[in-house]
Amino acid sequence: MKKFALFFSAAAVLCILTGLTAYHRSFPLDADLNGLEPAALQWFNRGRSVPCEADQLELYQPVTVGRLTYYPLVLDGRLGYLCLSRGFTGRYKFDHSGRGTGSFRNGVVESDGEQMLLFEGRNGDGRIARAVFSLEGGGPYALDIPASPVFLVSTSVDDTVSTGPISIEEIVFYDSQGRDITKSFDLSGGAIQ
């Protein structure tokens, strides 16, 4: 009987260790995100017949929402983002990504009870000083926009605002003097999920 209990205990410990190892390996990036750029390039090159090179990827300042971290990026000239998910050990894995030919991306996202409006775009010339979003269920929400080749800004939103992309008609751009400059921009873009 003691041999059976000892065998059962050893098997249980082995199963737990195997599960923990598998979980650890499913989050390949350490808490400091060392090696993020080459891993991100590998992520985006999945299934591509002509892979992108390292000099075609630029990562910018991230925004964290709950357990998700969003990195704005430019890959091969296209605006996009990379979403990383943090596990309970503090390590990260790739959750999802998006990129396209548009100039802006936006969306209301939720993670761990935290709901945020994310807005990404290009503002290298600094003409946009502020973006105001009029959202159904809340708002308006104003975001200060930095003069940056690529930016990702965020603000908390009411939980009555539905998650998902925001219609571009609900966004107004202002310059540093408070003038509406929305019509001077190509408002094409995509969603951040």
N, C-alpha and C. Protein backbone atom coordinates (compact mmCIF):
# COMPACT_ATOMS: atom_id res chain seq x y z
N MET A 1 0.82 -1.19 0.00
CA MET A 1 0.00 0.00 0.00
C MET A 1 0.87 1.26 0.00
N LYS A 2 1.97 1.22 0.80
CA LYS A 2 2.86 2.37 0.85
C LYS A 2 3.52 2.60 -0.50
N LYS A 3 3.88 1.52 -1.20
CA LYS A 3 4.50 1.65 -2.51
C LYS A 3 3.53 2.33 -3.49
N PHE A 4 2.25 1.96 -3.40
CA PHE A 4 1.24 2.56 -4.28
C PHE A 4 1.11 4.05 -3.99
N ALA A 5 1.05 4.43 -2.72
CA ALA A 5 0.93 5.84 -2.34
C ALA A 5 2.17 6.63 -2.78
N LEU A 6 3.33 6.04 -2.62
CA LEU A 6 4.56 6.69 -3.04
C LEU A 6 4.59 6.86 -4.57
N PHE A 7 4.20 5.79 -5.28
CA PHE A 7 4.13 5.86 -6.74
C PHE A 7 3.13 6.92 -7.20
N PHE A 8 1.96 6.94 -6.57
CA PHE A 8 0.92 7.93 -6.91
C PHE A 8 1.42 9.35 -6.65
N SER A 9 2.08 9.57 -5.54
CA SER A 9 2.62 10.91 -5.21
C SER A 9 3.67 11.33 -6.23
N ALA A 10 4.57 10.41 -6.58
CA ALA A 10 5.61 10.72 -7.56
C ALA A 10 4.99 11.04 -8.92
N ALA A 11 3.97 10.29 -9.31
CA ALA A 11 3.29 10.53 -10.59
C ALA A 11 2.60 11.90 -10.58
N ALA A 12 1.99 12.25 -9.46
CA ALA A 12 1.32 13.55 -9.34
C ALA A 12 2.32 14.69 -9.45
N VAL A 13 3.45 14.57 -8.77
CA VAL A 13 4.49 15.59 -8.83
C VAL A 13 5.02 15.71 -10.25
N LEU A 14 5.23 14.60 -10.91
CA LEU A 14 5.71 14.60 -12.29
C LEU A 14 4.71 15.29 -13.23
N CYS A 15 3.43 15.00 -13.04
CA CYS A 15 2.39 15.65 -13.85
C CYS A 15 2.37 17.16 -13.62
N ILE A 16 2.48 17.58 -12.38
CA ILE A 16 2.49 19.01 -12.07
C ILE A 16 3.70 19.68 -12.69
N LEU A 17 4.87 19.08 -12.56
CA LEU A 17 6.08 19.65 -13.15
C LEU A 17 5.99 19.71 -14.67
N THR A 18 5.43 18.69 -15.29
CA THR A 18 5.25 18.68 -16.74
C THR A 18 4.31 19.80 -17.16
N GLY A 19 3.22 19.97 -16.43
CA GLY A 19 2.27 21.05 -16.72
C GLY A 19 2.89 22.42 -16.57
N LEU A 20 3.65 22.61 -15.50
CA LEU A 20 4.32 23.90 -15.29
C LEU A 20 5.35 24.19 -16.37
N THR A 21 6.07 23.17 -16.78
CA THR A 21 7.06 23.34 -17.85
C THR A 21 6.37 23.70 -19.16
N ALA A 22 5.30 23.03 -19.47
CA ALA A 22 4.55 23.33 -20.70
C ALA A 22 3.99 24.75 -20.66
N TYR A 23 3.46 25.15 -19.51
CA TYR A 23 2.94 26.51 -19.36
C TYR A 23 4.06 27.52 -19.55
N HIS A 24 5.19 27.28 -18.91
CA HIS A 24 6.34 28.18 -19.00
C HIS A 24 6.79 28.33 -20.46
N ARG A 25 6.84 27.23 -21.18
CA ARG A 25 7.28 27.27 -22.58
C ARG A 25 6.26 27.94 -23.49
N SER A 26 4.99 27.95 -23.09
CA SER A 26 3.98 28.60 -23.91
C SER A 26 4.08 30.13 -23.83
N PHE A 27 4.86 30.65 -22.90
CA PHE A 27 5.14 32.08 -22.76
C PHE A 27 6.64 32.26 -22.99
N PRO A 28 7.08 32.33 -24.24
CA PRO A 28 8.52 32.27 -24.56
C PRO A 28 9.33 33.52 -24.24
N LEU A 29 8.68 34.65 -24.01
CA LEU A 29 9.42 35.89 -23.76
C LEU A 29 9.49 36.16 -22.26
N ASP A 30 10.70 36.48 -21.76
CA ASP A 30 10.84 36.73 -20.33
C ASP A 30 10.19 38.06 -19.93
N ALA A 31 10.11 38.30 -18.64
CA ALA A 31 9.42 39.48 -18.11
C ALA A 31 10.04 40.79 -18.59
N ASP A 32 11.33 40.79 -18.91
CA ASP A 32 12.00 41.99 -19.41
C ASP A 32 11.85 42.15 -20.92
N LEU A 33 11.20 41.19 -21.56
CA LEU A 33 10.98 41.18 -23.01
C LEU A 33 12.28 41.23 -23.80
N ASN A 34 13.32 40.58 -23.24
CA ASN A 34 14.57 40.44 -23.99
C ASN A 34 14.29 39.61 -25.24
N GLY A 35 14.82 40.03 -26.36
CA GLY A 35 14.64 39.29 -27.60
C GLY A 35 13.30 39.54 -28.28
N LEU A 36 12.61 40.61 -27.89
CA LEU A 36 11.29 40.88 -28.47
C LEU A 36 11.37 41.14 -29.98
N GLU A 37 12.32 41.95 -30.43
CA GLU A 37 12.36 42.30 -31.85
C GLU A 37 12.57 41.09 -32.75
N PRO A 38 13.58 40.23 -32.50
CA PRO A 38 13.70 39.07 -33.39
C PRO A 38 12.50 38.12 -33.30
N ALA A 39 11.93 37.98 -32.10
CA ALA A 39 10.76 37.11 -31.96
C ALA A 39 9.56 37.71 -32.70
N ALA A 40 9.41 39.05 -32.65
CA ALA A 40 8.32 39.71 -33.37
C ALA A 40 8.49 39.54 -34.87
N LEU A 41 9.69 39.66 -35.35
CA LEU A 41 9.95 39.48 -36.78
C LEU A 41 9.61 38.04 -37.20
N GLN A 42 9.98 37.10 -36.37
CA GLN A 42 9.63 35.70 -36.65
C GLN A 42 8.11 35.52 -36.66
N TRP A 43 7.41 36.17 -35.74
CA TRP A 43 5.94 36.11 -35.66
C TRP A 43 5.33 36.62 -36.97
N PHE A 44 5.80 37.76 -37.45
CA PHE A 44 5.22 38.35 -38.65
C PHE A 44 5.64 37.60 -39.92
N ASN A 45 6.75 36.91 -39.89
CA ASN A 45 7.21 36.18 -41.07
C ASN A 45 6.59 34.79 -41.22
N ARG A 46 5.75 34.39 -40.28
CA ARG A 46 5.09 33.07 -40.38
C ARG A 46 4.33 32.98 -41.70
N GLY A 47 4.63 31.97 -42.46
CA GLY A 47 3.89 31.71 -43.69
C GLY A 47 4.20 32.63 -44.86
N ARG A 48 5.12 33.56 -44.71
CA ARG A 48 5.47 34.47 -45.80
C ARG A 48 6.51 33.83 -46.70
N SER A 49 6.30 33.93 -48.00
CA SER A 49 7.29 33.38 -48.93
C SER A 49 8.52 34.28 -49.03
N VAL A 50 8.33 35.59 -48.84
CA VAL A 50 9.45 36.53 -48.82
C VAL A 50 9.45 37.19 -47.44
N PRO A 51 10.33 36.73 -46.55
CA PRO A 51 10.32 37.26 -45.19
C PRO A 51 10.80 38.71 -45.10
N CYS A 52 10.27 39.43 -44.13
CA CYS A 52 10.75 40.78 -43.84
C CYS A 52 12.08 40.69 -43.11
N GLU A 53 12.92 41.68 -43.32
CA GLU A 53 14.23 41.74 -42.67
C GLU A 53 14.13 42.57 -41.39
N ALA A 54 15.13 42.43 -40.52
CA ALA A 54 15.14 43.12 -39.23
C ALA A 54 15.08 44.64 -39.39
N ASP A 55 15.70 45.20 -40.43
CA ASP A 55 15.70 46.65 -40.59
C ASP A 55 14.33 47.17 -41.07
N GLN A 56 13.38 46.29 -41.37
CA GLN A 56 12.05 46.71 -41.80
C GLN A 56 11.07 46.79 -40.63
N LEU A 57 11.49 46.43 -39.43
CA LEU A 57 10.63 46.44 -38.25
C LEU A 57 11.08 47.51 -37.27
N GLU A 58 10.15 48.37 -36.90
CA GLU A 58 10.40 49.39 -35.88
C GLU A 58 9.31 49.28 -34.83
N LEU A 59 9.70 49.06 -33.57
CA LEU A 59 8.77 49.00 -32.44
C LEU A 59 8.82 50.32 -31.69
N TYR A 60 7.66 50.74 -31.18
CA TYR A 60 7.57 52.01 -30.45
C TYR A 60 7.05 51.76 -29.03
N GLN A 61 6.87 52.84 -28.28
CA GLN A 61 6.49 52.79 -26.87
C GLN A 61 5.15 52.07 -26.68
N PRO A 62 5.11 51.02 -25.82
CA PRO A 62 3.89 50.23 -25.65
C PRO A 62 2.90 50.85 -24.66
N VAL A 63 1.70 50.29 -24.68
CA VAL A 63 0.63 50.61 -23.72
C VAL A 63 0.14 49.29 -23.16
N THR A 64 -0.04 49.23 -21.83
CA THR A 64 -0.51 48.01 -21.18
C THR A 64 -1.94 48.20 -20.70
N VAL A 65 -2.77 47.20 -20.99
CA VAL A 65 -4.17 47.16 -20.55
C VAL A 65 -4.37 45.82 -19.86
N GLY A 66 -4.46 45.83 -18.54
CA GLY A 66 -4.59 44.58 -17.80
C GLY A 66 -3.41 43.68 -18.06
N ARG A 67 -3.65 42.47 -18.57
CA ARG A 67 -2.57 41.51 -18.85
C ARG A 67 -2.07 41.61 -20.28
N LEU A 68 -2.60 42.54 -21.08
CA LEU A 68 -2.21 42.70 -22.48
C LEU A 68 -1.32 43.93 -22.65
N THR A 69 -0.26 43.78 -23.44
CA THR A 69 0.62 44.90 -23.77
C THR A 69 0.62 45.07 -25.28
N TYR A 70 0.31 46.29 -25.74
CA TYR A 70 0.21 46.62 -27.16
C TYR A 70 1.44 47.41 -27.58
N TYR A 71 2.16 46.90 -28.58
CA TYR A 71 3.32 47.59 -29.14
C TYR A 71 2.94 48.15 -30.50
N PRO A 72 2.96 49.48 -30.67
CA PRO A 72 2.79 50.03 -32.02
C PRO A 72 4.06 49.75 -32.82
N LEU A 73 3.89 49.60 -34.12
CA LEU A 73 5.04 49.26 -34.94
C LEU A 73 4.83 49.69 -36.39
N VAL A 74 5.94 49.70 -37.09
CA VAL A 74 5.93 49.83 -38.55
C VAL A 74 6.72 48.64 -39.06
N LEU A 75 6.11 47.89 -39.98
CA LEU A 75 6.78 46.76 -40.60
C LEU A 75 6.64 46.90 -42.10
N ASP A 76 7.78 47.00 -42.76
CA ASP A 76 7.80 47.15 -44.21
C ASP A 76 6.96 48.36 -44.65
N GLY A 77 7.04 49.44 -43.86
CA GLY A 77 6.34 50.68 -44.18
C GLY A 77 4.88 50.73 -43.76
N ARG A 78 4.36 49.62 -43.24
CA ARG A 78 2.95 49.57 -42.86
C ARG A 78 2.77 49.72 -41.36
N LEU A 79 1.79 50.51 -40.97
CA LEU A 79 1.46 50.73 -39.56
C LEU A 79 0.77 49.49 -39.00
N GLY A 80 1.13 49.12 -37.79
CA GLY A 80 0.48 47.98 -37.16
C GLY A 80 0.72 47.96 -35.67
N TYR A 81 0.35 46.84 -35.08
CA TYR A 81 0.58 46.66 -33.65
C TYR A 81 0.79 45.17 -33.37
N LEU A 82 1.36 44.91 -32.22
CA LEU A 82 1.59 43.57 -31.74
C LEU A 82 1.06 43.51 -30.32
N CYS A 83 0.21 42.54 -30.03
CA CYS A 83 -0.37 42.40 -28.70
C CYS A 83 0.27 41.20 -28.01
N LEU A 84 0.84 41.44 -26.83
CA LEU A 84 1.44 40.39 -26.02
C LEU A 84 0.58 40.13 -24.80
N SER A 85 0.48 38.89 -24.42
CA SER A 85 -0.28 38.48 -23.25
C SER A 85 0.69 38.05 -22.16
N ARG A 86 0.47 38.55 -20.93
CA ARG A 86 1.35 38.22 -19.80
C ARG A 86 0.73 37.07 -18.99
N GLY A 87 1.52 36.05 -18.73
CA GLY A 87 1.07 34.92 -17.93
C GLY A 87 1.26 35.17 -16.45
N PHE A 88 0.81 34.23 -15.62
CA PHE A 88 0.90 34.44 -14.18
C PHE A 88 2.34 34.39 -13.67
N THR A 89 3.28 33.88 -14.47
CA THR A 89 4.69 33.88 -14.07
C THR A 89 5.41 35.16 -14.48
N GLY A 90 4.70 36.07 -15.17
CA GLY A 90 5.30 37.33 -15.61
C GLY A 90 5.90 37.26 -16.99
N ARG A 91 5.91 36.09 -17.61
CA ARG A 91 6.44 35.93 -18.96
C ARG A 91 5.35 36.29 -19.97
N TYR A 92 5.76 36.50 -21.22
CA TYR A 92 4.84 36.94 -22.27
C TYR A 92 4.80 35.96 -23.44
N LYS A 93 3.68 36.01 -24.15
CA LYS A 93 3.54 35.31 -25.42
C LYS A 93 2.81 36.23 -26.39
N PHE A 94 2.95 35.94 -27.67
CA PHE A 94 2.24 36.70 -28.69
C PHE A 94 0.77 36.31 -28.65
N ASP A 95 -0.10 37.31 -28.56
CA ASP A 95 -1.54 37.06 -28.51
C ASP A 95 -2.14 37.23 -29.90
N HIS A 96 -1.95 38.41 -30.48
CA HIS A 96 -2.41 38.67 -31.84
C HIS A 96 -1.72 39.93 -32.36
N SER A 97 -1.95 40.25 -33.62
CA SER A 97 -1.34 41.44 -34.23
C SER A 97 -2.24 41.92 -35.35
N GLY A 98 -1.92 43.11 -35.84
CA GLY A 98 -2.63 43.66 -36.98
C GLY A 98 -1.75 44.70 -37.65
N ARG A 99 -1.89 44.82 -38.95
CA ARG A 99 -1.18 45.87 -39.68
C ARG A 99 -1.86 46.06 -41.01
N GLY A 100 -1.63 47.22 -41.60
CA GLY A 100 -2.26 47.52 -42.88
C GLY A 100 -1.72 48.80 -43.48
N THR A 101 -2.39 49.26 -44.51
CA THR A 101 -1.91 50.42 -45.25
C THR A 101 -2.44 51.75 -44.72
N GLY A 102 -3.38 51.75 -43.80
CA GLY A 102 -3.98 52.99 -43.31
C GLY A 102 -3.05 53.80 -42.43
N SER A 103 -3.49 55.03 -42.13
CA SER A 103 -2.69 55.95 -41.32
C SER A 103 -3.00 55.88 -39.83
N PHE A 104 -4.16 55.31 -39.48
CA PHE A 104 -4.59 55.29 -38.08
C PHE A 104 -5.23 53.94 -37.75
N ARG A 105 -5.16 53.57 -36.47
CA ARG A 105 -5.83 52.37 -35.95
C ARG A 105 -6.42 52.75 -34.61
N ASN A 106 -7.57 52.18 -34.28
CA ASN A 106 -8.17 52.49 -32.99
C ASN A 106 -9.03 51.33 -32.52
N GLY A 107 -9.41 51.40 -31.27
CA GLY A 107 -10.31 50.41 -30.71
C GLY A 107 -10.44 50.56 -29.21
N VAL A 108 -11.54 50.06 -28.70
CA VAL A 108 -11.73 49.97 -27.25
C VAL A 108 -11.49 48.51 -26.90
N VAL A 109 -10.54 48.29 -26.00
CA VAL A 109 -10.16 46.94 -25.60
C VAL A 109 -10.38 46.77 -24.10
N GLU A 110 -10.53 45.51 -23.69
CA GLU A 110 -10.75 45.21 -22.28
C GLU A 110 -9.88 44.03 -21.89
N SER A 111 -9.27 44.14 -20.72
CA SER A 111 -8.49 43.03 -20.17
C SER A 111 -8.49 43.15 -18.65
N ASP A 112 -8.82 42.07 -17.99
CA ASP A 112 -8.82 42.02 -16.52
C ASP A 112 -9.66 43.13 -15.90
N GLY A 113 -10.80 43.43 -16.50
CA GLY A 113 -11.70 44.45 -15.96
C GLY A 113 -11.31 45.87 -16.28
N GLU A 114 -10.21 46.07 -16.98
CA GLU A 114 -9.75 47.41 -17.37
C GLU A 114 -10.15 47.64 -18.83
N GLN A 115 -10.86 48.74 -19.09
CA GLN A 115 -11.32 49.04 -20.44
C GLN A 115 -10.67 50.35 -20.90
N MET A 116 -10.00 50.27 -22.06
CA MET A 116 -9.24 51.43 -22.55
C MET A 116 -9.54 51.70 -24.02
N LEU A 117 -9.50 52.98 -24.36
CA LEU A 117 -9.54 53.42 -25.74
C LEU A 117 -8.08 53.54 -26.19
N LEU A 118 -7.73 52.85 -27.28
CA LEU A 118 -6.38 52.92 -27.84
C LEU A 118 -6.46 53.61 -29.19
N PHE A 119 -5.50 54.50 -29.44
CA PHE A 119 -5.44 55.21 -30.72
C PHE A 119 -4.00 55.24 -31.18
N GLU A 120 -3.76 54.71 -32.38
CA GLU A 120 -2.43 54.63 -32.95
C GLU A 120 -2.42 55.38 -34.28
N GLY A 121 -1.30 56.00 -34.58
CA GLY A 121 -1.19 56.68 -35.87
C GLY A 121 0.19 57.25 -36.09
N ARG A 122 0.26 58.04 -37.15
CA ARG A 122 1.50 58.72 -37.51
C ARG A 122 1.30 60.22 -37.31
N ASN A 123 2.28 60.86 -36.67
CA ASN A 123 2.20 62.30 -36.44
C ASN A 123 3.61 62.89 -36.40
N GLY A 124 4.44 62.50 -37.37
CA GLY A 124 5.82 62.95 -37.40
C GLY A 124 5.97 64.44 -37.54
N ASP A 125 5.02 65.10 -38.24
CA ASP A 125 5.11 66.55 -38.40
C ASP A 125 4.48 67.31 -37.24
N GLY A 126 3.83 66.61 -36.31
CA GLY A 126 3.28 67.24 -35.12
C GLY A 126 2.04 68.09 -35.35
N ARG A 127 1.40 67.96 -36.49
CA ARG A 127 0.21 68.79 -36.76
C ARG A 127 -0.96 68.45 -35.84
N ILE A 128 -1.11 67.19 -35.47
CA ILE A 128 -2.21 66.80 -34.59
C ILE A 128 -1.75 66.98 -33.14
N ALA A 129 -2.46 67.81 -32.40
CA ALA A 129 -2.14 68.00 -30.99
C ALA A 129 -3.10 67.23 -30.09
N ARG A 130 -4.32 67.02 -30.59
CA ARG A 130 -5.34 66.37 -29.78
C ARG A 130 -6.34 65.66 -30.68
N ALA A 131 -6.81 64.51 -30.23
CA ALA A 131 -7.88 63.78 -30.90
C ALA A 131 -9.01 63.62 -29.90
N VAL A 132 -10.23 63.91 -30.35
CA VAL A 132 -11.40 63.78 -29.49
C VAL A 132 -12.33 62.73 -30.09
N PHE A 133 -12.69 61.76 -29.27
CA PHE A 133 -13.56 60.66 -29.67
C PHE A 133 -14.93 60.85 -29.03
N SER A 134 -15.96 60.83 -29.82
CA SER A 134 -17.34 60.88 -29.33
C SER A 134 -17.90 59.46 -29.43
N LEU A 135 -17.95 58.76 -28.32
CA LEU A 135 -18.32 57.36 -28.33
C LEU A 135 -19.73 57.17 -27.78
N GLU A 136 -20.48 56.28 -28.40
CA GLU A 136 -21.79 55.93 -27.90
C GLU A 136 -21.61 55.21 -26.58
N GLY A 137 -22.33 55.66 -25.57
CA GLY A 137 -22.21 55.06 -24.25
C GLY A 137 -21.26 55.81 -23.34
N GLY A 138 -20.61 56.86 -23.83
CA GLY A 138 -19.69 57.62 -22.99
C GLY A 138 -18.96 58.67 -23.78
N GLY A 139 -18.22 59.50 -23.08
CA GLY A 139 -17.39 60.48 -23.76
C GLY A 139 -17.98 61.86 -23.72
N PRO A 140 -17.38 62.79 -24.40
CA PRO A 140 -16.25 62.61 -25.30
C PRO A 140 -14.95 62.33 -24.54
N TYR A 141 -14.02 61.68 -25.24
CA TYR A 141 -12.72 61.35 -24.69
C TYR A 141 -11.65 62.05 -25.52
N ALA A 142 -10.83 62.83 -24.83
CA ALA A 142 -9.76 63.58 -25.51
C ALA A 142 -8.41 62.94 -25.21
N LEU A 143 -7.61 62.82 -26.25
CA LEU A 143 -6.26 62.26 -26.13
C LEU A 143 -5.25 63.24 -26.68
N ASP A 144 -4.24 63.58 -25.91
CA ASP A 144 -3.14 64.40 -26.41
C ASP A 144 -2.27 63.52 -27.29
N ILE A 145 -1.91 64.05 -28.47
CA ILE A 145 -1.16 63.28 -29.45
C ILE A 145 0.26 63.82 -29.53
N PRO A 146 1.26 62.97 -29.29
CA PRO A 146 2.65 63.43 -29.37
C PRO A 146 3.10 63.57 -30.83
N ALA A 147 4.05 64.45 -31.04
CA ALA A 147 4.69 64.56 -32.36
C ALA A 147 5.68 63.41 -32.44
N SER A 148 5.30 62.37 -33.16
CA SER A 148 6.10 61.16 -33.22
C SER A 148 5.84 60.46 -34.54
N PRO A 149 6.87 59.80 -35.10
CA PRO A 149 6.63 59.07 -36.35
C PRO A 149 5.47 58.08 -36.20
N VAL A 150 5.40 57.40 -35.04
CA VAL A 150 4.30 56.50 -34.71
C VAL A 150 3.99 56.68 -33.23
N PHE A 151 2.71 56.80 -32.91
CA PHE A 151 2.30 56.94 -31.52
C PHE A 151 1.21 55.92 -31.19
N LEU A 152 1.10 55.60 -29.92
CA LEU A 152 -0.02 54.83 -29.39
C LEU A 152 -0.37 55.48 -28.07
N VAL A 153 -1.57 56.04 -28.00
CA VAL A 153 -2.04 56.71 -26.79
C VAL A 153 -3.30 56.01 -26.30
N SER A 154 -3.61 56.22 -25.03
CA SER A 154 -4.75 55.52 -24.44
C SER A 154 -5.41 56.35 -23.36
N THR A 155 -6.66 56.01 -23.08
CA THR A 155 -7.37 56.58 -21.95
C THR A 155 -8.41 55.58 -21.49
N SER A 156 -8.69 55.58 -20.20
CA SER A 156 -9.74 54.72 -19.66
C SER A 156 -11.09 55.20 -20.16
N VAL A 157 -11.99 54.26 -20.40
CA VAL A 157 -13.35 54.60 -20.82
C VAL A 157 -14.34 53.92 -19.90
N ASP A 158 -15.57 54.46 -19.88
CA ASP A 158 -16.63 53.88 -19.08
C ASP A 158 -16.93 52.46 -19.53
N ASP A 159 -17.37 51.63 -18.61
CA ASP A 159 -17.69 50.26 -18.99
C ASP A 159 -18.97 50.16 -19.81
N THR A 160 -19.66 51.28 -20.01
CA THR A 160 -20.84 51.29 -20.88
C THR A 160 -20.46 51.41 -22.35
N VAL A 161 -19.20 51.76 -22.63
CA VAL A 161 -18.71 51.86 -24.01
C VAL A 161 -18.42 50.45 -24.50
N SER A 162 -18.93 50.10 -25.67
CA SER A 162 -18.70 48.75 -26.18
C SER A 162 -17.28 48.62 -26.73
N THR A 163 -16.73 47.42 -26.58
CA THR A 163 -15.40 47.17 -27.10
C THR A 163 -15.47 47.01 -28.61
N GLY A 164 -14.35 47.26 -29.27
CA GLY A 164 -14.27 47.12 -30.72
C GLY A 164 -13.77 48.40 -31.36
N PRO A 165 -13.68 48.39 -32.69
CA PRO A 165 -13.19 49.57 -33.41
C PRO A 165 -14.19 50.72 -33.35
N ILE A 166 -13.69 51.92 -33.58
CA ILE A 166 -14.50 53.14 -33.54
C ILE A 166 -14.61 53.69 -34.94
N SER A 167 -15.81 54.08 -35.31
CA SER A 167 -16.01 54.69 -36.62
C SER A 167 -15.18 55.96 -36.72
N ILE A 168 -14.52 56.13 -37.84
CA ILE A 168 -13.64 57.29 -38.04
C ILE A 168 -14.44 58.59 -38.00
N GLU A 169 -15.75 58.54 -38.26
CA GLU A 169 -16.58 59.74 -38.19
C GLU A 169 -16.73 60.25 -36.76
N GLU A 170 -16.37 59.44 -35.79
CA GLU A 170 -16.49 59.82 -34.39
C GLU A 170 -15.20 60.43 -33.83
N ILE A 171 -14.24 60.75 -34.70
CA ILE A 171 -12.96 61.30 -34.27
C ILE A 171 -12.76 62.67 -34.88
N VAL A 172 -12.33 63.62 -34.06
CA VAL A 172 -12.02 64.97 -34.53
C VAL A 172 -10.59 65.29 -34.10
N PHE A 173 -9.77 65.79 -35.06
CA PHE A 173 -8.39 66.19 -34.78
C PHE A 173 -8.32 67.70 -34.60
N TYR A 174 -7.48 68.12 -33.64
CA TYR A 174 -7.26 69.54 -33.39
C TYR A 174 -5.76 69.82 -33.42
N ASP A 175 -5.40 71.02 -33.89
CA ASP A 175 -4.00 71.43 -33.85
C ASP A 175 -3.71 72.09 -32.51
N SER A 176 -2.50 72.60 -32.33
CA SER A 176 -2.10 73.18 -31.05
C SER A 176 -2.84 74.47 -30.73
N GLN A 177 -3.47 75.11 -31.73
CA GLN A 177 -4.28 76.31 -31.49
C GLN A 177 -5.76 75.97 -31.28
N GLY A 178 -6.10 74.69 -31.27
CA GLY A 178 -7.48 74.28 -31.03
C GLY A 178 -8.35 74.28 -32.28
N ARG A 179 -7.76 74.42 -33.46
CA ARG A 179 -8.54 74.41 -34.71
C ARG A 179 -8.80 72.98 -35.16
N ASP A 180 -9.99 72.75 -35.67
CA ASP A 180 -10.37 71.45 -36.22
C ASP A 180 -9.63 71.24 -37.53
N ILE A 181 -8.76 70.23 -37.57
CA ILE A 181 -7.97 69.95 -38.77
C ILE A 181 -8.27 68.56 -39.33
N THR A 182 -9.39 68.01 -38.96
CA THR A 182 -9.74 66.64 -39.34
C THR A 182 -9.74 66.43 -40.85
N LYS A 183 -10.28 67.38 -41.59
CA LYS A 183 -10.43 67.22 -43.04
C LYS A 183 -9.10 67.20 -43.79
N SER A 184 -8.03 67.59 -43.15
CA SER A 184 -6.74 67.61 -43.83
C SER A 184 -5.99 66.27 -43.73
N PHE A 185 -6.65 65.24 -43.19
CA PHE A 185 -6.01 63.94 -43.03
C PHE A 185 -6.78 62.84 -43.74
N ASP A 186 -6.03 61.86 -44.24
CA ASP A 186 -6.62 60.64 -44.76
C ASP A 186 -6.95 59.80 -43.53
N LEU A 187 -8.21 59.60 -43.27
CA LEU A 187 -8.63 58.91 -42.05
C LEU A 187 -8.72 57.40 -42.22
N SER A 188 -8.09 56.89 -43.27
CA SER A 188 -8.13 55.44 -43.45
C SER A 188 -7.38 54.75 -42.32
N GLY A 189 -7.78 53.54 -42.04
CA GLY A 189 -7.09 52.84 -40.99
C GLY A 189 -7.71 51.50 -40.70
N GLY A 190 -7.38 50.99 -39.53
CA GLY A 190 -7.86 49.69 -39.14
C GLY A 190 -8.18 49.66 -37.66
N ALA A 191 -8.45 48.48 -37.19
CA ALA A 191 -8.87 48.29 -35.80
C ALA A 191 -7.73 47.78 -34.93
N ILE A 192 -7.82 48.10 -33.66
CA ILE A 192 -7.00 47.48 -32.63
C ILE A 192 -7.97 46.65 -31.79
N GLN A 193 -7.65 45.40 -31.63
CA GLN A 193 -8.55 44.51 -30.86
C GLN A 193 -7.92 44.08 -29.58
